[in-house]
């Protein structure tokens, strides 16, 4: 099929155009816009051959236009080696799926044994701190701080005794 492309796509609404025999009439362009979305590639080529001297406005799906889609190229290269009558066959797909399922199920599973015995629970030990310092603790008198007199103190002498 020829490479069809639309350099400047039209922004007019398809639903707002008035219906005609081969498509719809665009009042902005004063042209008939042909609906190619339901046509086969050979029908599209036939219309282009009939109107090769005229400008053709048309409505296309993206896959009908020549797009440089790499995934489409890979797909065509892949399906090039598969016969046409197998490409869209549900039977072939079903058989292929069943074969894959059966080969996946036929792999031997590893035997697992239950382990029995005495269960022991280890207690966590307190980790030793190797980064410690031992010595006499002193308060540095050079810091500026306020001494609280005993009158203002909230602590009572018998605060620890019970009644």
Protein backbone atom coordinates (compact mmCIF):
# COMPACT_ATOMS: atom_id res chain seq x y z
CA UNK A 1 0.00 0.00 0.00
CA UNK A 2 1.12 3.54 -0.65
CA UNK A 3 2.38 5.65 2.19
CA UNK A 4 -0.51 7.89 3.20
CA UNK A 5 0.20 10.84 5.44
CA UNK A 6 -1.59 14.05 6.41
CA UNK A 7 0.91 16.91 6.79
CA UNK A 8 -1.57 19.39 8.33
CA UNK A 9 -4.45 17.61 10.08
CA UNK A 10 -7.77 19.46 10.13
CA UNK A 11 -9.18 20.58 13.47
CA UNK A 12 -12.83 20.62 12.40
CA UNK A 13 -15.31 18.43 14.27
CA UNK A 14 -16.46 15.39 12.25
CA UNK A 15 -19.85 15.33 14.00
CA UNK A 16 -20.59 18.95 13.03
CA UNK A 17 -20.13 18.26 9.30
CA UNK A 18 -23.22 17.56 7.20
CA UNK A 19 -23.57 13.94 5.97
CA UNK A 20 -23.01 13.08 2.29
CA UNK A 21 -22.88 9.90 0.22
CA UNK A 22 -19.14 9.16 0.61
CA UNK A 23 -18.51 10.92 3.91
CA UNK A 24 -19.32 14.40 5.20
CA UNK A 25 -19.20 17.92 3.80
CA UNK A 26 -16.93 20.42 5.51
CA UNK A 27 -18.41 23.92 5.25
CA UNK A 28 -15.09 25.53 6.24
CA UNK A 29 -13.11 23.94 3.37
CA UNK A 30 -16.08 23.45 1.01
CA UNK A 31 -14.93 19.87 0.36
CA UNK A 32 -16.27 16.38 0.82
CA UNK A 33 -14.33 14.58 3.55
CA UNK A 34 -14.28 10.85 2.77
CA UNK A 35 -14.59 8.41 5.68
CA UNK A 36 -11.75 5.91 5.19
CA UNK A 37 -12.13 4.37 8.66
CA UNK A 38 -14.38 1.54 7.41
CA UNK A 39 -12.49 0.89 4.17
CA UNK A 40 -9.98 -1.82 3.32
CA UNK A 41 -6.53 -0.87 1.95
CA UNK A 42 -7.49 -1.90 -1.61
CA UNK A 43 -10.61 0.31 -1.46
CA UNK A 44 -8.50 3.24 -0.27
CA UNK A 45 -6.05 2.73 -3.15
CA UNK A 46 -8.93 2.56 -5.62
CA UNK A 47 -10.31 5.91 -4.40
CA UNK A 48 -6.85 7.50 -4.61
CA UNK A 49 -6.42 6.16 -8.16
CA UNK A 50 -9.82 7.56 -9.22
CA UNK A 51 -9.11 11.01 -7.76
CA UNK A 52 -5.39 11.33 -8.37
CA UNK A 53 -5.81 14.82 -9.89
CA UNK A 54 -8.00 16.11 -7.04
CA UNK A 55 -7.09 16.96 -3.48
CA UNK A 56 -8.54 14.37 -1.14
CA UNK A 57 -9.67 15.12 2.39
CA UNK A 58 -10.26 12.05 4.47
CA UNK A 59 -10.88 10.69 7.92
CA UNK A 60 -8.40 7.93 8.86
CA UNK A 61 -7.48 5.86 11.85
CA UNK A 62 -3.89 6.27 13.05
CA UNK A 63 -2.97 2.74 12.00
CA UNK A 64 -4.10 3.46 8.42
CA UNK A 65 -1.65 6.31 8.02
CA UNK A 66 2.06 5.90 7.43
CA UNK A 67 3.49 6.31 10.90
CA UNK A 68 7.05 5.41 11.72
CA UNK A 69 5.99 3.15 14.56
CA UNK A 70 8.82 0.81 15.54
CA UNK A 71 6.50 -1.67 17.24
CA UNK A 72 4.49 -1.99 14.03
CA UNK A 73 7.66 -2.69 12.07
CA UNK A 74 8.71 -5.37 14.57
CA UNK A 75 5.23 -6.88 14.39
CA UNK A 76 5.32 -7.08 10.60
CA UNK A 77 8.80 -8.61 10.69
CA UNK A 78 7.62 -11.20 13.23
CA UNK A 79 4.44 -12.12 11.34
CA UNK A 80 6.31 -12.28 8.04
CA UNK A 81 7.38 -15.84 8.88
CA UNK A 82 3.97 -17.01 10.17
CA UNK A 83 1.43 -18.14 7.54
CA UNK A 84 -1.50 -15.74 7.10
CA UNK A 85 -4.19 -18.25 8.05
CA UNK A 86 -2.46 -18.80 11.44
CA UNK A 87 -2.01 -15.14 12.36
CA UNK A 88 -5.53 -14.47 13.66
CA UNK A 89 -6.64 -18.01 14.40
CA UNK A 90 -8.18 -18.57 17.83
CA UNK A 91 -7.63 -22.30 17.53
CA UNK A 92 -3.88 -21.88 17.05
CA UNK A 93 -3.76 -19.46 19.99
CA UNK A 94 -5.66 -21.93 22.17
CA UNK A 95 -3.40 -24.87 21.22
CA UNK A 96 -0.29 -22.77 21.81
CA UNK A 97 -1.60 -21.67 25.22
CA UNK A 98 -2.41 -25.26 26.24
CA UNK A 99 1.07 -26.43 25.20
CA UNK A 100 2.70 -23.68 27.26
CA UNK A 101 0.48 -24.50 30.23
CA UNK A 102 1.27 -28.20 30.10
CA UNK A 103 5.02 -27.69 29.77
CA UNK A 104 4.91 -25.37 32.77
CA UNK A 105 3.02 -27.95 34.81
CA UNK A 106 5.28 -30.86 33.88
CA UNK A 107 8.35 -29.57 35.70
CA UNK A 108 9.16 -31.67 38.78
CA UNK A 109 8.73 -29.87 42.05
CA UNK A 110 11.39 -29.95 44.71
CA UNK A 111 10.59 -32.22 47.62
CA UNK A 112 10.25 -30.46 50.93
CA UNK A 113 10.58 -32.19 54.26
CA UNK A 114 9.15 -31.11 57.58
CA UNK A 115 11.78 -30.52 60.24
CA UNK A 116 11.00 -31.65 63.77
CA UNK A 117 13.01 -31.17 66.89
CA UNK A 118 13.48 -29.20 70.07
CA UNK A 119 12.68 -25.53 69.74
CA UNK A 120 15.05 -23.26 71.61
CA UNK A 121 14.56 -19.57 72.06
CA UNK A 122 17.68 -17.52 72.58
CA UNK A 123 17.45 -14.44 74.69
CA UNK A 124 18.97 -11.32 73.31
CA UNK A 125 22.02 -10.24 75.21
CA UNK A 126 22.56 -6.62 76.02
CA UNK A 127 25.07 -5.28 73.58
CA UNK A 128 28.27 -4.03 75.11
CA UNK A 129 29.09 -0.40 74.64
CA UNK A 130 32.74 -0.16 73.80
CA UNK A 131 32.62 3.60 73.40
CA UNK A 132 32.37 4.56 77.06
CA UNK A 133 34.27 6.83 79.42
CA UNK A 134 34.81 6.14 83.11
CA UNK A 135 35.74 8.87 85.58
CA UNK A 136 34.59 11.37 88.20
CA UNK A 137 31.74 13.58 87.03
CA UNK A 138 32.04 17.26 87.89
CA UNK A 139 29.98 20.31 87.13
CA UNK A 140 31.85 23.10 85.43
CA UNK A 141 31.49 26.19 87.63
CA UNK A 142 32.57 28.52 84.85
CA UNK A 143 29.18 28.13 83.13
CA UNK A 144 26.71 30.84 83.86
CA UNK A 145 23.81 29.46 85.83
CA UNK A 146 21.54 30.60 88.62
CA UNK A 147 21.46 28.87 91.96
CA UNK A 148 18.00 28.27 93.35
CA UNK A 149 17.69 28.99 97.02
CA UNK A 150 16.23 26.32 99.27
CA UNK A 151 13.18 28.50 99.97
CA UNK A 152 12.20 28.47 96.30
CA UNK A 153 12.84 24.78 95.92
CA UNK A 154 9.87 22.56 95.24
CA UNK A 155 11.52 19.38 96.50
CA UNK A 156 10.50 18.32 99.96
CA UNK A 157 12.56 16.14 102.20
CA UNK A 158 9.94 13.47 102.74
CA UNK A 159 8.78 13.29 99.10
CA UNK A 160 9.94 9.71 98.84
CA UNK A 161 8.14 8.46 101.96
CA UNK A 162 4.76 6.76 101.82
CA UNK A 163 1.78 7.59 104.01
